[in-house]
Amino acid sequence: MTEVLFYHLQNMSLENVLPPLLEKSLERGWRVVVQSTSPERADALDAHLWTYRDDSFLPHATWRAGDAADQPIVLAIEEGNPNRANVRFLVDNAALPADAAAYERMVLLFNGDDTDALAAARGAWTECKSRGFDVTYWQADERGRWQRRDQR
């Protein structure tokens, strides 16, 4: 059964939250697709993942790369699974893919300060529940640590 985690970003940016979540995914041996909604946004995330920390980077490529199939993380803007990922991150209000059930885990990160993002997340929550996925809701505490909250 596909597990879908909803991460409610409040007073924090995707650029700060995404890299540690991707690092944890790689530590677990998972392959990942990160789906955003525009080439410009994917390019910005691509640049950020190379430079977000002085002492580290996340090995990745965009869907345009000739060796995308060999990469542990692929940044994409459309459906598809170029690197045979078992985890898919959805950012910037990217819609659930038609093949969502093919993933072990989907991670939907949404901006809690954006009414459109909240509406999209609520719609995705309803869709995931209707498809029988195991859904959980996560919110950061005052120290920035993710806590599972009661289902909404």
C-alpha atoms as a PDB file:
ATOM      1  CA  MET A   1       0.000   0.000   0.000  1.00  0.00           C
ATOM      2  CA  THR A   2       1.289   3.428  -0.893  1.00  0.00           C
ATOM      3  CA  GLU A   3       2.057   5.633   2.076  1.00  0.00           C
ATOM      4  CA  VAL A   4       1.461   9.362   1.521  1.00  0.00           C
ATOM      5  CA  LEU A   5       3.032  11.884   3.885  1.00  0.00           C
ATOM      6  CA  PHE A   6       1.725  15.452   3.878  1.00  0.00           C
ATOM      7  CA  TYR A   7       4.318  17.947   5.134  1.00  0.00           C
ATOM      8  CA  HIS A   8       2.771  21.267   6.139  1.00  0.00           C
ATOM      9  CA  LEU A   9       5.423  23.968   5.705  1.00  0.00           C
ATOM     10  CA  GLN A  10       4.873  26.999   7.918  1.00  0.00           C
ATOM     11  CA  ASN A  11       7.505  29.662   8.447  1.00  0.00           C
ATOM     12  CA  MET A  12       9.994  27.522   6.546  1.00  0.00           C
ATOM     13  CA  SER A  13      10.985  27.237   2.929  1.00  0.00           C
ATOM     14  CA  LEU A  14      10.997  24.236   0.658  1.00  0.00           C
ATOM     15  CA  GLU A  15      14.700  24.914   0.047  1.00  0.00           C
ATOM     16  CA  ASN A  16      15.402  24.327   3.764  1.00  0.00           C
ATOM     17  CA  VAL A  17      13.102  21.328   4.199  1.00  0.00           C
ATOM     18  CA  LEU A  18      13.658  19.297   1.038  1.00  0.00           C
ATOM     19  CA  PRO A  19      17.417  18.502   1.258  1.00  0.00           C
ATOM     20  CA  PRO A  20      17.288  16.801   4.688  1.00  0.00           C
ATOM     21  CA  LEU A  21      14.273  14.731   3.605  1.00  0.00           C
ATOM     22  CA  LEU A  22      16.124  13.681   0.458  1.00  0.00           C
ATOM     23  CA  GLU A  23      19.217  12.806   2.514  1.00  0.00           C
ATOM     24  CA  LYS A  24      17.099  10.530   4.722  1.00  0.00           C
ATOM     25  CA  SER A  25      15.633   8.884   1.644  1.00  0.00           C
ATOM     26  CA  LEU A  26      19.100   8.122   0.271  1.00  0.00           C
ATOM     27  CA  GLU A  27      20.260   6.829   3.672  1.00  0.00           C
ATOM     28  CA  ARG A  28      17.410   4.313   3.462  1.00  0.00           C
ATOM     29  CA  GLY A  29      18.547   3.213   0.002  1.00  0.00           C
ATOM     30  CA  TRP A  30      15.536   4.689  -1.772  1.00  0.00           C
ATOM     31  CA  ARG A  31      15.492   6.136  -5.273  1.00  0.00           C
ATOM     32  CA  VAL A  32      13.561   9.385  -5.567  1.00  0.00           C
ATOM     33  CA  VAL A  33      11.725  11.553  -8.085  1.00  0.00           C
ATOM     34  CA  VAL A  34      11.018  15.154  -7.081  1.00  0.00           C
ATOM     35  CA  GLN A  35       8.204  16.596  -9.187  1.00  0.00           C
ATOM     36  CA  SER A  36       7.741  20.356  -9.419  1.00  0.00           C
ATOM     37  CA  THR A  37       5.559  22.254 -11.862  1.00  0.00           C
ATOM     38  CA  SER A  38       7.889  24.184 -14.172  1.00  0.00           C
ATOM     39  CA  PRO A  39      11.298  23.836 -15.818  1.00  0.00           C
ATOM     40  CA  GLU A  40      12.419  27.057 -14.117  1.00  0.00           C
ATOM     41  CA  ARG A  41      11.546  25.717 -10.673  1.00  0.00           C
ATOM     42  CA  ALA A  42      13.218  22.382 -11.386  1.00  0.00           C
ATOM     43  CA  ASP A  43      16.350  24.240 -12.518  1.00  0.00           C
ATOM     44  CA  ALA A  44      16.346  26.337  -9.329  1.00  0.00           C
ATOM     45  CA  LEU A  45      16.042  23.198  -7.187  1.00  0.00           C
ATOM     46  CA  ASP A  46      18.781  21.563  -9.268  1.00  0.00           C
ATOM     47  CA  ALA A  47      21.177  24.422  -8.498  1.00  0.00           C
ATOM     48  CA  HIS A  48      20.163  24.468  -4.838  1.00  0.00           C
ATOM     49  CA  LEU A  49      20.798  20.749  -4.273  1.00  0.00           C
ATOM     50  CA  TRP A  50      24.420  21.201  -5.405  1.00  0.00           C
ATOM     51  CA  THR A  51      25.054  24.129  -3.066  1.00  0.00           C
ATOM     52  CA  TYR A  52      22.687  23.956  -0.078  1.00  0.00           C
ATOM     53  CA  ARG A  53      25.556  23.001   2.252  1.00  0.00           C
ATOM     54  CA  ASP A  54      29.246  23.790   2.023  1.00  0.00           C
ATOM     55  CA  ASP A  55      30.301  20.284   3.045  1.00  0.00           C
ATOM     56  CA  SER A  56      27.822  18.204   1.060  1.00  0.00           C
ATOM     57  CA  PHE A  57      25.609  17.852  -1.992  1.00  0.00           C
ATOM     58  CA  LEU A  58      22.881  15.502  -3.086  1.00  0.00           C
ATOM     59  CA  PRO A  59      23.648  13.358  -6.149  1.00  0.00           C
ATOM     60  CA  HIS A  60      20.888  14.055  -8.636  1.00  0.00           C
ATOM     61  CA  ALA A  61      19.978  15.068 -12.171  1.00  0.00           C
ATOM     62  CA  THR A  62      17.060  16.572 -14.001  1.00  0.00           C
ATOM     63  CA  TRP A  63      14.819  14.560 -16.290  1.00  0.00           C
ATOM     64  CA  ARG A  64      16.749  16.070 -19.231  1.00  0.00           C
ATOM     65  CA  ALA A  65      19.996  14.286 -18.328  1.00  0.00           C
ATOM     66  CA  GLY A  66      21.038  11.426 -20.531  1.00  0.00           C
ATOM     67  CA  ASP A  67      21.870   9.354 -17.461  1.00  0.00           C
ATOM     68  CA  ALA A  68      18.719  10.197 -15.464  1.00  0.00           C
ATOM     69  CA  ALA A  69      17.903   6.484 -15.197  1.00  0.00           C
ATOM     70  CA  ASP A  70      21.127   5.961 -13.217  1.00  0.00           C
ATOM     71  CA  GLN A  71      20.588   8.805 -10.740  1.00  0.00           C
ATOM     72  CA  PRO A  72      19.374   8.269  -7.165  1.00  0.00           C
ATOM     73  CA  ILE A  73      17.350  11.513  -7.347  1.00  0.00           C
ATOM     74  CA  VAL A  74      15.705  12.917 -10.474  1.00  0.00           C
ATOM     75  CA  LEU A  75      14.023  16.316 -10.656  1.00  0.00           C
ATOM     76  CA  ALA A  76      11.031  16.205 -12.992  1.00  0.00           C
ATOM     77  CA  ILE A  77       8.068  18.318 -14.039  1.00  0.00           C
ATOM     78  CA  GLU A  78       5.818  15.602 -15.452  1.00  0.00           C
ATOM     79  CA  GLU A  79       4.581  12.171 -14.559  1.00  0.00           C
ATOM     80  CA  GLY A  80       6.849   9.244 -15.225  1.00  0.00           C
ATOM     81  CA  ASN A  81       9.498   7.423 -13.270  1.00  0.00           C
ATOM     82  CA  PRO A  82      12.792   7.871 -15.133  1.00  0.00           C
ATOM     83  CA  ASN A  83      15.001   6.313 -12.425  1.00  0.00           C
ATOM     84  CA  ARG A  84      12.665   3.564 -11.159  1.00  0.00           C
ATOM     85  CA  ALA A  85      12.108   5.502  -7.918  1.00  0.00           C
ATOM     86  CA  ASN A  86      10.152   4.022  -5.056  1.00  0.00           C
ATOM     87  CA  VAL A  87       9.558   7.452  -3.484  1.00  0.00           C
ATOM     88  CA  ARG A  88       8.055  10.508  -5.172  1.00  0.00           C
ATOM     89  CA  PHE A  89       8.125  14.023  -3.708  1.00  0.00           C
ATOM     90  CA  LEU A  90       5.505  16.475  -4.943  1.00  0.00           C
ATOM     91  CA  VAL A  91       6.355  20.172  -4.536  1.00  0.00           C
ATOM     92  CA  ASP A  92       4.893  23.462  -5.755  1.00  0.00           C
ATOM     93  CA  ASN A  93       1.355  22.025  -5.904  1.00  0.00           C
ATOM     94  CA  ALA A  94       2.341  19.244  -8.305  1.00  0.00           C
ATOM     95  CA  ALA A  95      -0.609  16.903  -8.782  1.00  0.00           C
ATOM     96  CA  LEU A  96      -0.687  13.276  -7.727  1.00  0.00           C
ATOM     97  CA  PRO A  97       0.496  11.180 -10.660  1.00  0.00           C
ATOM     98  CA  ALA A  98      -1.770   8.585 -12.223  1.00  0.00           C
ATOM     99  CA  ASP A  99       0.707   5.879 -11.160  1.00  0.00           C
ATOM    100  CA  ALA A 100       0.790   6.971  -7.484  1.00  0.00           C
ATOM    101  CA  ALA A 101      -0.030   3.436  -6.352  1.00  0.00           C
ATOM    102  CA  ALA A 102       3.239   2.215  -7.921  1.00  0.00           C
ATOM    103  CA  TYR A 103       5.304   4.056  -5.278  1.00  0.00           C
ATOM    104  CA  GLU A 104       6.051   2.848  -1.771  1.00  0.00           C
ATOM    105  CA  ARG A 105       5.874   6.428  -0.546  1.00  0.00           C
ATOM    106  CA  MET A 106       4.654   9.776  -1.803  1.00  0.00           C
ATOM    107  CA  VAL A 107       5.686  12.947   0.028  1.00  0.00           C
ATOM    108  CA  LEU A 108       3.600  16.032  -0.598  1.00  0.00           C
ATOM    109  CA  LEU A 109       5.178  19.249   0.698  1.00  0.00           C
ATOM    110  CA  PHE A 110       2.860  22.242   0.762  1.00  0.00           C
ATOM    111  CA  ASN A 111       3.110  25.871   1.853  1.00  0.00           C
ATOM    112  CA  GLY A 112       0.726  26.398   4.753  1.00  0.00           C
ATOM    113  CA  ASP A 113       0.748  30.165   4.162  1.00  0.00           C
ATOM    114  CA  ASP A 114      -0.617  29.834   0.606  1.00  0.00           C
ATOM    115  CA  THR A 115      -4.385  29.357   0.262  1.00  0.00           C
ATOM    116  CA  ASP A 116      -4.033  27.713  -3.171  1.00  0.00           C
ATOM    117  CA  ALA A 117      -1.468  25.259  -1.785  1.00  0.00           C
ATOM    118  CA  LEU A 118      -3.730  24.445   1.155  1.00  0.00           C
ATOM    119  CA  ALA A 119      -6.669  23.810  -1.170  1.00  0.00           C
ATOM    120  CA  ALA A 120      -4.533  21.589  -3.416  1.00  0.00           C
ATOM    121  CA  ALA A 121      -3.258  19.624  -0.400  1.00  0.00           C
ATOM    122  CA  ARG A 122      -6.787  19.120   0.912  1.00  0.00           C
ATOM    123  CA  GLY A 123      -7.888  17.857  -2.492  1.00  0.00           C
ATOM    124  CA  ALA A 124      -4.901  15.501  -2.654  1.00  0.00           C
ATOM    125  CA  TRP A 125      -5.661  14.249   0.875  1.00  0.00           C
ATOM    126  CA  THR A 126      -9.235  13.424  -0.140  1.00  0.00           C
ATOM    127  CA  GLU A 127      -8.062  11.695  -3.318  1.00  0.00           C
ATOM    128  CA  CYS A 128      -5.443   9.662  -1.448  1.00  0.00           C
ATOM    129  CA  LYS A 129      -7.977   8.534   1.151  1.00  0.00           C
ATOM    130  CA  SER A 130     -10.456   7.537  -1.576  1.00  0.00           C
ATOM    131  CA  ARG A 131      -7.727   5.496  -3.300  1.00  0.00           C
ATOM    132  CA  GLY A 132      -7.021   3.623  -0.084  1.00  0.00           C
ATOM    133  CA  PHE A 133      -3.560   5.045   0.549  1.00  0.00           C
ATOM    134  CA  ASP A 134      -2.157   5.255   4.076  1.00  0.00           C
ATOM    135  CA  VAL A 135      -2.027   9.024   4.695  1.00  0.00           C
ATOM    136  CA  THR A 136      -0.293  10.929   7.491  1.00  0.00           C
ATOM    137  CA  TYR A 137       0.007  14.613   8.292  1.00  0.00           C
ATOM    138  CA  TRP A 138       3.268  16.148   9.543  1.00  0.00           C
ATOM    139  CA  GLN A 139       3.938  19.566  11.019  1.00  0.00           C
ATOM    140  CA  ALA A 140       7.122  21.023  12.500  1.00  0.00           C
ATOM    141  CA  ASP A 141       7.211  21.829  16.200  1.00  0.00           C
ATOM    142  CA  GLU A 142       8.667  25.044  17.633  1.00  0.00           C
ATOM    143  CA  ARG A 143      12.190  23.557  17.335  1.00  0.00           C
ATOM    144  CA  GLY A 144      11.676  22.624  13.687  1.00  0.00           C
ATOM    145  CA  ARG A 145      11.357  18.882  14.279  1.00  0.00           C
ATOM    146  CA  TRP A 146       8.670  17.078  12.310  1.00  0.00           C
ATOM    147  CA  GLN A 147       5.813  15.695  14.374  1.00  0.00           C
ATOM    148  CA  ARG A 148       3.022  13.457  13.199  1.00  0.00           C
ATOM    149  CA  ARG A 149      -0.313  15.124  13.916  1.00  0.00           C
ATOM    150  CA  ASP A 150      -3.792  13.729  14.176  1.00  0.00           C
ATOM    151  CA  GLN A 151      -5.318  13.124  10.785  1.00  0.00           C
ATOM    152  CA  ARG A 152      -7.375  16.004   9.497  1.00  0.00           C
END
